[in-house]
């Protein structure tokens, strides 16, 4: 059996203006997330698919992220099967943080105290 390679991108290579879909749970999101990212927990992706496609627009790449890349890989696979241009952010938020990319936390979106849960 032959499986296609899952499209991936390094955290450092995600464009600053790219569409980022964070599929982590609410507590993980509150601890630290990428400002401007779309937050749809993995268990809600199917139910909120229209919200995602509206945010993606026509042909925009969706960069999918979780904590380390497992959940986001599953969501990426689903989105690709639905015809979206989706890529998994390899290493997830841990790689994002390690690459020195900016994060914010809490409801007010401040950078102070943001961390990966």
PDB file of N, CA and C in Angstrom:
ATOM      1  N   UNK A   1       0.847  -1.177   0.000  1.00  0.00           N
ATOM      2  CA  UNK A   1       0.000   0.000   0.000  1.00  0.00           C
ATOM      3  C   UNK A   1       0.891   1.238   0.000  1.00  0.00           C
ATOM      4  N   UNK A   2       0.523   2.249  -0.743  1.00  0.00           N
ATOM      5  CA  UNK A   2       1.302   3.476  -0.858  1.00  0.00           C
ATOM      6  C   UNK A   2       0.534   4.642  -0.245  1.00  0.00           C
ATOM      7  N   UNK A   3       1.190   5.356   0.648  1.00  0.00           N
ATOM      8  CA  UNK A   3       0.579   6.520   1.276  1.00  0.00           C
ATOM      9  C   UNK A   3       1.323   7.764   0.825  1.00  0.00           C
ATOM     10  N   UNK A   4       0.586   8.812   0.518  1.00  0.00           N
ATOM     11  CA  UNK A   4       1.203  10.079   0.116  1.00  0.00           C
ATOM     12  C   UNK A   4       1.855  10.730   1.330  1.00  0.00           C
ATOM     13  N   UNK A   5       2.936  11.425   1.074  1.00  0.00           N
ATOM     14  CA  UNK A   5       3.635  12.159   2.134  1.00  0.00           C
ATOM     15  C   UNK A   5       2.744  13.294   2.634  1.00  0.00           C
ATOM     16  N   UNK A   6       2.633  13.432   3.951  1.00  0.00           N
ATOM     17  CA  UNK A   6       1.848  14.509   4.539  1.00  0.00           C
ATOM     18  C   UNK A   6       2.597  15.820   4.337  1.00  0.00           C
ATOM     19  N   UNK A   7       1.955  16.825   3.754  1.00  0.00           N
ATOM     20  CA  UNK A   7       2.656  18.098   3.570  1.00  0.00           C
ATOM     21  C   UNK A   7       2.981  18.749   4.907  1.00  0.00           C
ATOM     22  N   UNK A   8       4.243  19.146   5.086  1.00  0.00           N
ATOM     23  CA  UNK A   8       4.700  19.757   6.328  1.00  0.00           C
ATOM     24  C   UNK A   8       5.533  20.989   6.037  1.00  0.00           C
ATOM     25  N   UNK A   9       5.636  21.846   7.041  1.00  0.00           N
ATOM     26  CA  UNK A   9       6.469  23.041   6.961  1.00  0.00           C
ATOM     27  C   UNK A   9       7.097  23.254   8.336  1.00  0.00           C
ATOM     28  N   UNK A  10       8.309  23.740   8.347  1.00  0.00           N
ATOM     29  CA  UNK A  10       8.970  24.078   9.607  1.00  0.00           C
ATOM     30  C   UNK A  10       8.300  25.312  10.202  1.00  0.00           C
ATOM     31  N   UNK A  11       8.262  25.400  11.523  1.00  0.00           N
ATOM     32  CA  UNK A  11       7.643  26.541  12.196  1.00  0.00           C
ATOM     33  C   UNK A  11       8.281  27.857  11.769  1.00  0.00           C
ATOM     34  N   UNK A  12       9.595  27.864  11.591  1.00  0.00           N
ATOM     35  CA  UNK A  12      10.301  29.088  11.209  1.00  0.00           C
ATOM     36  C   UNK A  12       9.939  29.554   9.802  1.00  0.00           C
ATOM     37  N   UNK A  13       9.381  28.645   8.989  1.00  0.00           N
ATOM     38  CA  UNK A  13       9.068  28.982   7.596  1.00  0.00           C
ATOM     39  C   UNK A  13       7.623  29.418   7.370  1.00  0.00           C
ATOM     40  N   UNK A  14       6.798  29.408   8.416  1.00  0.00           N
ATOM     41  CA  UNK A  14       5.404  29.844   8.264  1.00  0.00           C
ATOM     42  C   UNK A  14       5.399  31.352   8.042  1.00  0.00           C
ATOM     43  N   UNK A  15       4.785  31.819   6.946  1.00  0.00           N
ATOM     44  CA  UNK A  15       4.761  33.264   6.694  1.00  0.00           C
ATOM     45  C   UNK A  15       4.034  34.029   7.799  1.00  0.00           C
ATOM     46  N   UNK A  16       4.530  35.194   8.123  1.00  0.00           N
ATOM     47  CA  UNK A  16       3.928  36.012   9.183  1.00  0.00           C
ATOM     48  C   UNK A  16       2.459  36.325   8.893  1.00  0.00           C
ATOM     49  N   UNK A  17       2.093  36.412   7.621  1.00  0.00           N
ATOM     50  CA  UNK A  17       0.716  36.726   7.256  1.00  0.00           C
ATOM     51  C   UNK A  17      -0.071  35.481   6.828  1.00  0.00           C
ATOM     52  N   UNK A  18       0.497  34.291   7.077  1.00  0.00           N
ATOM     53  CA  UNK A  18      -0.176  33.054   6.697  1.00  0.00           C
ATOM     54  C   UNK A  18      -1.342  32.727   7.609  1.00  0.00           C
ATOM     55  N   UNK A  19      -2.281  31.948   7.094  1.00  0.00           N
ATOM     56  CA  UNK A  19      -3.422  31.507   7.891  1.00  0.00           C
ATOM     57  C   UNK A  19      -2.975  30.333   8.755  1.00  0.00           C
ATOM     58  N   UNK A  20      -3.079  30.498  10.056  1.00  0.00           N
ATOM     59  CA  UNK A  20      -2.671  29.474  11.005  1.00  0.00           C
ATOM     60  C   UNK A  20      -3.899  28.952  11.728  1.00  0.00           C
ATOM     61  N   UNK A  21      -4.114  27.647  11.667  1.00  0.00           N
ATOM     62  CA  UNK A  21      -5.214  26.987  12.361  1.00  0.00           C
ATOM     63  C   UNK A  21      -4.637  26.244  13.551  1.00  0.00           C
ATOM     64  N   UNK A  22      -5.029  26.630  14.749  1.00  0.00           N
ATOM     65  CA  UNK A  22      -4.571  26.004  15.989  1.00  0.00           C
ATOM     66  C   UNK A  22      -5.661  25.050  16.453  1.00  0.00           C
ATOM     67  N   UNK A  23      -5.347  23.747  16.513  1.00  0.00           N
ATOM     68  CA  UNK A  23      -6.353  22.734  16.841  1.00  0.00           C
ATOM     69  C   UNK A  23      -6.227  22.230  18.278  1.00  0.00           C
ATOM     70  N   UNK A  24      -5.498  22.968  19.125  1.00  0.00           N
ATOM     71  CA  UNK A  24      -5.343  22.570  20.528  1.00  0.00           C
ATOM     72  C   UNK A  24      -6.609  22.889  21.325  1.00  0.00           C
ATOM     73  N   UNK A  25      -6.661  22.359  22.533  1.00  0.00           N
ATOM     74  CA  UNK A  25      -7.804  22.581  23.414  1.00  0.00           C
ATOM     75  C   UNK A  25      -7.763  23.989  24.007  1.00  0.00           C
ATOM     76  N   UNK A  26      -8.887  24.407  24.592  1.00  0.00           N
ATOM     77  CA  UNK A  26      -9.025  25.772  25.106  1.00  0.00           C
ATOM     78  C   UNK A  26      -7.961  26.148  26.135  1.00  0.00           C
ATOM     79  N   UNK A  27      -7.623  25.230  27.053  1.00  0.00           N
ATOM     80  CA  UNK A  27      -6.627  25.560  28.075  1.00  0.00           C
ATOM     81  C   UNK A  27      -5.237  25.740  27.464  1.00  0.00           C
ATOM     82  N   UNK A  28      -4.929  24.949  26.448  1.00  0.00           N
ATOM     83  CA  UNK A  28      -3.643  25.095  25.765  1.00  0.00           C
ATOM     84  C   UNK A  28      -3.578  26.440  25.037  1.00  0.00           C
ATOM     85  N   UNK A  29      -4.673  26.793  24.385  1.00  0.00           N
ATOM     86  CA  UNK A  29      -4.772  28.057  23.654  1.00  0.00           C
ATOM     87  C   UNK A  29      -4.605  29.242  24.605  1.00  0.00           C
ATOM     88  N   UNK A  30      -5.263  29.189  25.760  1.00  0.00           N
ATOM     89  CA  UNK A  30      -5.214  30.284  26.719  1.00  0.00           C
ATOM     90  C   UNK A  30      -3.799  30.504  27.252  1.00  0.00           C
ATOM     91  N   UNK A  31      -3.041  29.429  27.423  1.00  0.00           N
ATOM     92  CA  UNK A  31      -1.669  29.542  27.941  1.00  0.00           C
ATOM     93  C   UNK A  31      -0.746  30.273  26.974  1.00  0.00           C
ATOM     94  N   UNK A  32      -0.910  30.030  25.694  1.00  0.00           N
ATOM     95  CA  UNK A  32      -0.073  30.688  24.696  1.00  0.00           C
ATOM     96  C   UNK A  32      -0.469  30.264  23.296  1.00  0.00           C
ATOM     97  N   UNK A  33      -0.590  31.238  22.406  1.00  0.00           N
ATOM     98  CA  UNK A  33      -0.956  30.955  21.018  1.00  0.00           C
ATOM     99  C   UNK A  33      -0.385  32.031  20.112  1.00  0.00           C
ATOM    100  N   UNK A  34      -0.491  31.795  18.819  1.00  0.00           N
ATOM    101  CA  UNK A  34      -0.021  32.752  17.832  1.00  0.00           C
ATOM    102  C   UNK A  34      -1.106  33.802  17.620  1.00  0.00           C
ATOM    103  N   UNK A  35      -0.729  35.060  17.757  1.00  0.00           N
ATOM    104  CA  UNK A  35      -1.698  36.143  17.549  1.00  0.00           C
ATOM    105  C   UNK A  35      -2.248  36.064  16.130  1.00  0.00           C
ATOM    106  N   UNK A  36      -3.561  36.147  16.023  1.00  0.00           N
ATOM    107  CA  UNK A  36      -4.215  36.115  14.721  1.00  0.00           C
ATOM    108  C   UNK A  36      -4.562  34.721  14.223  1.00  0.00           C
ATOM    109  N   UNK A  37      -4.132  33.687  14.950  1.00  0.00           N
ATOM    110  CA  UNK A  37      -4.448  32.316  14.549  1.00  0.00           C
ATOM    111  C   UNK A  37      -5.938  32.042  14.733  1.00  0.00           C
ATOM    112  N   UNK A  38      -6.467  31.159  13.927  1.00  0.00           N
ATOM    113  CA  UNK A  38      -7.841  30.699  14.059  1.00  0.00           C
ATOM    114  C   UNK A  38      -7.822  29.498  15.001  1.00  0.00           C
ATOM    115  N   UNK A  39      -8.612  29.562  16.075  1.00  0.00           N
ATOM    116  CA  UNK A  39      -8.632  28.481  17.050  1.00  0.00           C
ATOM    117  C   UNK A  39      -9.883  27.641  16.876  1.00  0.00           C
ATOM    118  N   UNK A  40      -9.692  26.405  16.418  1.00  0.00           N
ATOM    119  CA  UNK A  40     -10.768  25.428  16.330  1.00  0.00           C
ATOM    120  C   UNK A  40     -10.206  24.119  16.885  1.00  0.00           C
ATOM    121  N   UNK A  41     -10.589  23.732  18.108  1.00  0.00           N
ATOM    122  CA  UNK A  41     -10.084  22.481  18.659  1.00  0.00           C
ATOM    123  C   UNK A  41     -10.356  21.302  17.712  1.00  0.00           C
ATOM    124  N   UNK A  42      -9.457  20.328  17.729  1.00  0.00           N
ATOM    125  CA  UNK A  42      -9.523  19.197  16.809  1.00  0.00           C
ATOM    126  C   UNK A  42     -10.908  18.558  16.758  1.00  0.00           C
ATOM    127  N   UNK A  43     -11.533  18.375  17.899  1.00  0.00           N
ATOM    128  CA  UNK A  43     -12.842  17.736  17.948  1.00  0.00           C
ATOM    129  C   UNK A  43     -13.970  18.549  17.336  1.00  0.00           C
ATOM    130  N   UNK A  44     -13.701  19.806  16.982  1.00  0.00           N
ATOM    131  CA  UNK A  44     -14.730  20.679  16.410  1.00  0.00           C
ATOM    132  C   UNK A  44     -14.489  21.002  14.933  1.00  0.00           C
ATOM    133  N   UNK A  45     -13.403  20.497  14.362  1.00  0.00           N
ATOM    134  CA  UNK A  45     -13.027  20.865  12.988  1.00  0.00           C
ATOM    135  C   UNK A  45     -14.124  20.515  11.989  1.00  0.00           C
ATOM    136  N   UNK A  46     -14.684  19.322  12.077  1.00  0.00           N
ATOM    137  CA  UNK A  46     -15.716  18.916  11.117  1.00  0.00           C
ATOM    138  C   UNK A  46     -16.947  19.814  11.256  1.00  0.00           C
ATOM    139  N   UNK A  47     -17.397  20.045  12.484  1.00  0.00           N
ATOM    140  CA  UNK A  47     -18.599  20.860  12.718  1.00  0.00           C
ATOM    141  C   UNK A  47     -18.387  22.317  12.315  1.00  0.00           C
ATOM    142  N   UNK A  48     -17.152  22.799  12.407  1.00  0.00           N
ATOM    143  CA  UNK A  48     -16.859  24.209  12.108  1.00  0.00           C
ATOM    144  C   UNK A  48     -16.114  24.370  10.784  1.00  0.00           C
ATOM    145  N   UNK A  49     -16.240  23.392   9.913  1.00  0.00           N
ATOM    146  CA  UNK A  49     -15.530  23.399   8.634  1.00  0.00           C
ATOM    147  C   UNK A  49     -15.851  24.645   7.804  1.00  0.00           C
ATOM    148  N   UNK A  50     -17.110  25.062   7.796  1.00  0.00           N
ATOM    149  CA  UNK A  50     -17.499  26.255   7.025  1.00  0.00           C
ATOM    150  C   UNK A  50     -16.778  27.502   7.520  1.00  0.00           C
ATOM    151  N   UNK A  51     -16.587  27.606   8.829  1.00  0.00           N
ATOM    152  CA  UNK A  51     -15.849  28.733   9.415  1.00  0.00           C
ATOM    153  C   UNK A  51     -14.405  28.741   8.904  1.00  0.00           C
ATOM    154  N   UNK A  52     -13.826  27.556   8.836  1.00  0.00           N
ATOM    155  CA  UNK A  52     -12.449  27.436   8.350  1.00  0.00           C
ATOM    156  C   UNK A  52     -12.345  27.801   6.874  1.00  0.00           C
ATOM    157  N   UNK A  53     -13.253  27.292   6.057  1.00  0.00           N
ATOM    158  CA  UNK A  53     -13.177  27.592   4.626  1.00  0.00           C
ATOM    159  C   UNK A  53     -13.434  29.077   4.361  1.00  0.00           C
ATOM    160  N   UNK A  54     -14.286  29.699   5.168  1.00  0.00           N
ATOM    161  CA  UNK A  54     -14.520  31.139   5.023  1.00  0.00           C
ATOM    162  C   UNK A  54     -13.249  31.915   5.352  1.00  0.00           C
ATOM    163  N   UNK A  55     -12.542  31.502   6.388  1.00  0.00           N
ATOM    164  CA  UNK A  55     -11.297  32.172   6.769  1.00  0.00           C
ATOM    165  C   UNK A  55     -10.206  31.941   5.732  1.00  0.00           C
ATOM    166  N   UNK A  56     -10.200  30.756   5.144  1.00  0.00           N
ATOM    167  CA  UNK A  56      -9.158  30.413   4.171  1.00  0.00           C
ATOM    168  C   UNK A  56      -9.366  31.125   2.846  1.00  0.00           C
ATOM    169  N   UNK A  57     -10.594  31.404   2.513  1.00  0.00           N
ATOM    170  CA  UNK A  57     -10.832  32.038   1.221  1.00  0.00           C
ATOM    171  C   UNK A  57     -10.490  31.085   0.091  1.00  0.00           C
ATOM    172  N   UNK A  58     -10.306  31.628  -1.074  1.00  0.00           N
ATOM    173  CA  UNK A  58     -10.045  30.824  -2.261  1.00  0.00           C
ATOM    174  C   UNK A  58      -8.561  30.522  -2.407  1.00  0.00           C
ATOM    175  N   UNK A  59      -8.200  29.274  -2.190  1.00  0.00           N
ATOM    176  CA  UNK A  59      -6.840  28.829  -2.461  1.00  0.00           C
ATOM    177  C   UNK A  59      -5.777  29.223  -1.457  1.00  0.00           C
ATOM    178  N   UNK A  60      -6.147  29.801  -0.311  1.00  0.00           N
ATOM    179  CA  UNK A  60      -5.139  30.178   0.684  1.00  0.00           C
ATOM    180  C   UNK A  60      -4.676  28.944   1.446  1.00  0.00           C
ATOM    181  N   UNK A  61      -3.380  28.831   1.646  1.00  0.00           N
ATOM    182  CA  UNK A  61      -2.813  27.711   2.392  1.00  0.00           C
ATOM    183  C   UNK A  61      -3.180  27.821   3.871  1.00  0.00           C
ATOM    184  N   UNK A  62      -3.539  26.685   4.481  1.00  0.00           N
ATOM    185  CA  UNK A  62      -3.855  26.609   5.894  1.00  0.00           C
ATOM    186  C   UNK A  62      -2.692  25.897   6.590  1.00  0.00           C
ATOM    187  N   UNK A  63      -2.056  26.575   7.526  1.00  0.00           N
ATOM    188  CA  UNK A  63      -0.964  26.005   8.318  1.00  0.00           C
ATOM    189  C   UNK A  63      -1.582  25.489   9.607  1.00  0.00           C
ATOM    190  N   UNK A  64      -1.544  24.173   9.819  1.00  0.00           N
ATOM    191  CA  UNK A  64      -2.245  23.549  10.941  1.00  0.00           C
ATOM    192  C   UNK A  64      -1.245  23.230  12.056  1.00  0.00           C
ATOM    193  N   UNK A  65      -1.620  23.599  13.287  1.00  0.00           N
ATOM    194  CA  UNK A  65      -0.705  23.478  14.410  1.00  0.00           C
ATOM    195  C   UNK A  65      -1.401  22.935  15.652  1.00  0.00           C
ATOM    196  N   UNK A  66      -0.648  22.146  16.426  1.00  0.00           N
ATOM    197  CA  UNK A  66      -1.070  21.722  17.764  1.00  0.00           C
ATOM    198  C   UNK A  66       0.158  21.859  18.666  1.00  0.00           C
ATOM    199  N   UNK A  67       0.255  21.060  19.707  1.00  0.00           N
ATOM    200  CA  UNK A  67       1.407  21.191  20.623  1.00  0.00           C
ATOM    201  C   UNK A  67       2.686  20.653  20.003  1.00  0.00           C
ATOM    202  N   UNK A  68       2.636  19.411  19.477  1.00  0.00           N
ATOM    203  CA  UNK A  68       3.845  18.804  18.917  1.00  0.00           C
ATOM    204  C   UNK A  68       3.688  18.316  17.481  1.00  0.00           C
ATOM    205  N   UNK A  69       2.484  18.273  16.961  1.00  0.00           N
ATOM    206  CA  UNK A  69       2.296  17.910  15.563  1.00  0.00           C
ATOM    207  C   UNK A  69       1.438  16.689  15.287  1.00  0.00           C
ATOM    208  N   UNK A  70       1.050  15.953  16.320  1.00  0.00           N
ATOM    209  CA  UNK A  70       0.241  14.752  16.101  1.00  0.00           C
ATOM    210  C   UNK A  70      -1.196  15.044  15.724  1.00  0.00           C
ATOM    211  N   UNK A  71      -1.864  15.847  16.534  1.00  0.00           N
ATOM    212  CA  UNK A  71      -3.257  16.200  16.237  1.00  0.00           C
ATOM    213  C   UNK A  71      -3.350  16.998  14.939  1.00  0.00           C
ATOM    214  N   UNK A  72      -2.416  17.921  14.773  1.00  0.00           N
ATOM    215  CA  UNK A  72      -2.449  18.744  13.559  1.00  0.00           C
ATOM    216  C   UNK A  72      -2.193  17.910  12.312  1.00  0.00           C
ATOM    217  N   UNK A  73      -1.403  16.852  12.414  1.00  0.00           N
ATOM    218  CA  UNK A  73      -1.173  15.966  11.267  1.00  0.00           C
ATOM    219  C   UNK A  73      -2.484  15.298  10.849  1.00  0.00           C
ATOM    220  N   UNK A  74      -3.276  14.867  11.833  1.00  0.00           N
ATOM    221  CA  UNK A  74      -4.558  14.242  11.525  1.00  0.00           C
ATOM    222  C   UNK A  74      -5.517  15.237  10.871  1.00  0.00           C
ATOM    223  N   UNK A  75      -5.558  16.451  11.404  1.00  0.00           N
ATOM    224  CA  UNK A  75      -6.428  17.479  10.831  1.00  0.00           C
ATOM    225  C   UNK A  75      -5.953  17.859   9.430  1.00  0.00           C
ATOM    226  N   UNK A  76      -4.644  17.976   9.247  1.00  0.00           N
ATOM    227  CA  UNK A  76      -4.100  18.293   7.924  1.00  0.00           C
ATOM    228  C   UNK A  76      -4.529  17.234   6.920  1.00  0.00           C
ATOM    229  N   UNK A  77      -4.413  15.987   7.295  1.00  0.00           N
ATOM    230  CA  UNK A  77      -4.817  14.890   6.414  1.00  0.00           C
ATOM    231  C   UNK A  77      -6.296  15.022   6.027  1.00  0.00           C
ATOM    232  N   UNK A  78      -7.138  15.344   6.988  1.00  0.00           N
ATOM    233  CA  UNK A  78      -8.568  15.533   6.721  1.00  0.00           C
ATOM    234  C   UNK A  78      -8.794  16.710   5.764  1.00  0.00           C
ATOM    235  N   UNK A  79      -8.123  17.841   6.031  1.00  0.00           N
ATOM    236  CA  UNK A  79      -8.318  19.034   5.198  1.00  0.00           C
ATOM    237  C   UNK A  79      -7.856  18.799   3.770  1.00  0.00           C
ATOM    238  N   UNK A  80      -6.727  18.123   3.604  1.00  0.00           N
ATOM    239  CA  UNK A  80      -6.228  17.807   2.256  1.00  0.00           C
ATOM    240  C   UNK A  80      -7.248  16.925   1.528  1.00  0.00           C
ATOM    241  N   UNK A  81      -7.821  15.954   2.238  1.00  0.00           N
ATOM    242  CA  UNK A  81      -8.829  15.072   1.638  1.00  0.00           C
ATOM    243  C   UNK A  81     -10.079  15.851   1.223  1.00  0.00           C
ATOM    244  N   UNK A  82     -10.335  16.981   1.900  1.00  0.00           N
ATOM    245  CA  UNK A  82     -11.486  17.830   1.558  1.00  0.00           C
ATOM    246  C   UNK A  82     -11.151  18.814   0.432  1.00  0.00           C
ATOM    247  N   UNK A  83      -9.909  18.783  -0.056  1.00  0.00           N
ATOM    248  CA  UNK A  83      -9.515  19.636  -1.180  1.00  0.00           C
ATOM    249  C   UNK A  83      -8.862  20.945  -0.781  1.00  0.00           C
ATOM    250  N   UNK A  84      -8.558  21.146   0.508  1.00  0.00           N
ATOM    251  CA  UNK A  84      -7.900  22.383   0.927  1.00  0.00           C
ATOM    252  C   UNK A  84      -6.382  22.257   0.799  1.00  0.00           C
ATOM    253  N   UNK A  85      -5.738  23.374   0.603  1.00  0.00           N
ATOM    254  CA  UNK A  85      -4.278  23.437   0.601  1.00  0.00           C
ATOM    255  C   UNK A  85      -3.855  23.586   2.056  1.00  0.00           C
ATOM    256  N   UNK A  86      -3.553  22.467   2.704  1.00  0.00           N
ATOM    257  CA  UNK A  86      -3.218  22.465   4.125  1.00  0.00           C
ATOM    258  C   UNK A  86      -1.864  21.807   4.341  1.00  0.00           C
ATOM    259  N   UNK A  87      -1.104  22.354   5.307  1.00  0.00           N
ATOM    260  CA  UNK A  87       0.192  21.787   5.677  1.00  0.00           C
ATOM    261  C   UNK A  87       0.284  21.707   7.196  1.00  0.00           C
ATOM    262  N   UNK A  88       0.948  20.669   7.664  1.00  0.00           N
ATOM    263  CA  UNK A  88       1.172  20.488   9.087  1.00  0.00           C
ATOM    264  C   UNK A  88       2.410  21.275   9.500  1.00  0.00           C
ATOM    265  N   UNK A  89       2.314  22.021  10.599  1.00  0.00           N
ATOM    266  CA  UNK A  89       3.482  22.724  11.134  1.00  0.00           C
ATOM    267  C   UNK A  89       4.266  21.709  11.959  1.00  0.00           C
ATOM    268  N   UNK A  90       5.403  21.287  11.415  1.00  0.00           N
ATOM    269  CA  UNK A  90       6.218  20.246  12.031  1.00  0.00           C
ATOM    270  C   UNK A  90       6.719  20.689  13.404  1.00  0.00           C
ATOM    271  N   UNK A  91       6.433  19.886  14.424  1.00  0.00           N
ATOM    272  CA  UNK A  91       6.872  20.206  15.783  1.00  0.00           C
ATOM    273  C   UNK A  91       5.912  21.080  16.555  1.00  0.00           C
ATOM    274  N   UNK A  92       4.880  21.595  15.900  1.00  0.00           N
ATOM    275  CA  UNK A  92       3.823  22.352  16.549  1.00  0.00           C
ATOM    276  C   UNK A  92       4.285  23.583  17.319  1.00  0.00           C
ATOM    277  N   UNK A  93       3.552  23.883  18.382  1.00  0.00           N
ATOM    278  CA  UNK A  93       3.853  25.067  19.195  1.00  0.00           C
ATOM    279  C   UNK A  93       5.203  24.964  19.892  1.00  0.00           C
ATOM    280  N   UNK A  94       5.640  23.747  20.210  1.00  0.00           N
ATOM    281  CA  UNK A  94       6.965  23.609  20.819  1.00  0.00           C
ATOM    282  C   UNK A  94       8.046  24.080  19.857  1.00  0.00           C
ATOM    283  N   UNK A  95       7.913  23.718  18.579  1.00  0.00           N
ATOM    284  CA  UNK A  95       8.878  24.162  17.569  1.00  0.00           C
ATOM    285  C   UNK A  95       8.736  25.663  17.306  1.00  0.00           C
ATOM    286  N   UNK A  96       7.505  26.162  17.335  1.00  0.00           N
ATOM    287  CA  UNK A  96       7.241  27.594  17.151  1.00  0.00           C
ATOM    288  C   UNK A  96       7.977  28.392  18.225  1.00  0.00           C
ATOM    289  N   UNK A  97       7.801  27.973  19.477  1.00  0.00           N
ATOM    290  CA  UNK A  97       8.442  28.637  20.598  1.00  0.00           C
ATOM    291  C   UNK A  97       9.966  28.528  20.494  1.00  0.00           C
ATOM    292  N   UNK A  98      10.471  27.349  20.158  1.00  0.00           N
ATOM    293  CA  UNK A  98      11.913  27.132  20.034  1.00  0.00           C
ATOM    294  C   UNK A  98      12.521  27.980  18.920  1.00  0.00           C
ATOM    295  N   UNK A  99      11.722  28.277  17.891  1.00  0.00           N
ATOM    296  CA  UNK A  99      12.197  29.107  16.784  1.00  0.00           C
ATOM    297  C   UNK A  99      12.150  30.590  17.121  1.00  0.00           C
ATOM    298  N   UNK A 100      11.653  30.916  18.321  1.00  0.00           N
ATOM    299  CA  UNK A 100      11.585  32.315  18.736  1.00  0.00           C
ATOM    300  C   UNK A 100      10.447  33.089  18.098  1.00  0.00           C
ATOM    301  N   UNK A 101       9.457  32.371  17.559  1.00  0.00           N
ATOM    302  CA  UNK A 101       8.316  33.048  16.942  1.00  0.00           C
ATOM    303  C   UNK A 101       7.415  33.606  18.045  1.00  0.00           C
ATOM    304  N   UNK A 102       6.745  34.739  17.809  1.00  0.00           N
ATOM    305  CA  UNK A 102       5.962  35.399  18.861  1.00  0.00           C
ATOM    306  C   UNK A 102       4.701  34.637  19.248  1.00  0.00           C
ATOM    307  N   UNK A 103       4.349  34.759  20.534  1.00  0.00           N
ATOM    308  CA  UNK A 103       3.131  34.172  21.084  1.00  0.00           C
ATOM    309  C   UNK A 103       2.470  35.189  22.003  1.00  0.00           C
ATOM    310  N   UNK A 104       1.187  35.005  22.198  1.00  0.00           N
ATOM    311  CA  UNK A 104       0.424  35.808  23.148  1.00  0.00           C
ATOM    312  C   UNK A 104      -0.367  34.849  24.020  1.00  0.00           C
ATOM    313  N   UNK A 105      -0.949  35.376  25.118  1.00  0.00           N
ATOM    314  CA  UNK A 105      -1.737  34.514  26.001  1.00  0.00           C
ATOM    315  C   UNK A 105      -2.945  35.260  26.538  1.00  0.00           C
ATOM    316  N   UNK A 106      -3.852  34.483  27.101  1.00  0.00           N
ATOM    317  CA  UNK A 106      -5.022  35.042  27.760  1.00  0.00           C
ATOM    318  C   UNK A 106      -5.993  35.720  26.833  1.00  0.00           C
ATOM    319  N   UNK A 107      -7.109  36.175  27.397  1.00  0.00           N
ATOM    320  CA  UNK A 107      -8.149  36.816  26.594  1.00  0.00           C
ATOM    321  C   UNK A 107      -7.736  38.179  26.046  1.00  0.00           C
ATOM    322  N   UNK A 108      -6.771  38.839  26.711  1.00  0.00           N
ATOM    323  CA  UNK A 108      -6.345  40.159  26.244  1.00  0.00           C
ATOM    324  C   UNK A 108      -5.202  40.082  25.230  1.00  0.00           C
ATOM    325  N   UNK A 109      -4.674  38.870  24.991  1.00  0.00           N
ATOM    326  CA  UNK A 109      -3.652  38.681  23.973  1.00  0.00           C
ATOM    327  C   UNK A 109      -2.331  39.355  24.257  1.00  0.00           C
ATOM    328  N   UNK A 110      -1.860  39.290  25.503  1.00  0.00           N
ATOM    329  CA  UNK A 110      -0.575  39.898  25.829  1.00  0.00           C
ATOM    330  C   UNK A 110       0.547  38.883  25.647  1.00  0.00           C
ATOM    331  N   UNK A 111       1.725  39.381  25.306  1.00  0.00           N
ATOM    332  CA  UNK A 111       2.880  38.516  25.096  1.00  0.00           C
ATOM    333  C   UNK A 111       3.486  38.061  26.420  1.00  0.00           C
ATOM    334  N   UNK A 112       3.325  38.869  27.443  1.00  0.00           N
ATOM    335  CA  UNK A 112       3.918  38.550  28.736  1.00  0.00           C
ATOM    336  C   UNK A 112       3.268  37.302  29.330  1.00  0.00           C
ATOM    337  N   UNK A 113       4.098  36.337  29.680  1.00  0.00           N
ATOM    338  CA  UNK A 113       3.619  35.119  30.321  1.00  0.00           C
ATOM    339  C   UNK A 113       3.133  34.044  29.384  1.00  0.00           C
ATOM    340  N   UNK A 114       3.214  34.241  28.072  1.00  0.00           N
ATOM    341  CA  UNK A 114       2.764  33.222  27.128  1.00  0.00           C
ATOM    342  C   UNK A 114       3.710  32.025  27.173  1.00  0.00           C
ATOM    343  N   UNK A 115       3.143  30.830  27.201  1.00  0.00           N
ATOM    344  CA  UNK A 115       3.946  29.620  27.187  1.00  0.00           C
ATOM    345  C   UNK A 115       3.169  28.498  26.520  1.00  0.00           C
ATOM    346  N   UNK A 116       3.877  27.416  26.182  1.00  0.00           N
ATOM    347  CA  UNK A 116       3.237  26.266  25.545  1.00  0.00           C
ATOM    348  C   UNK A 116       2.845  25.287  26.624  1.00  0.00           C
ATOM    349  N   UNK A 117       1.556  24.973  26.686  1.00  0.00           N
ATOM    350  CA  UNK A 117       1.032  24.014  27.663  1.00  0.00           C
ATOM    351  C   UNK A 117       0.928  22.661  27.013  1.00  0.00           C
TER     352      UNK A 117
END
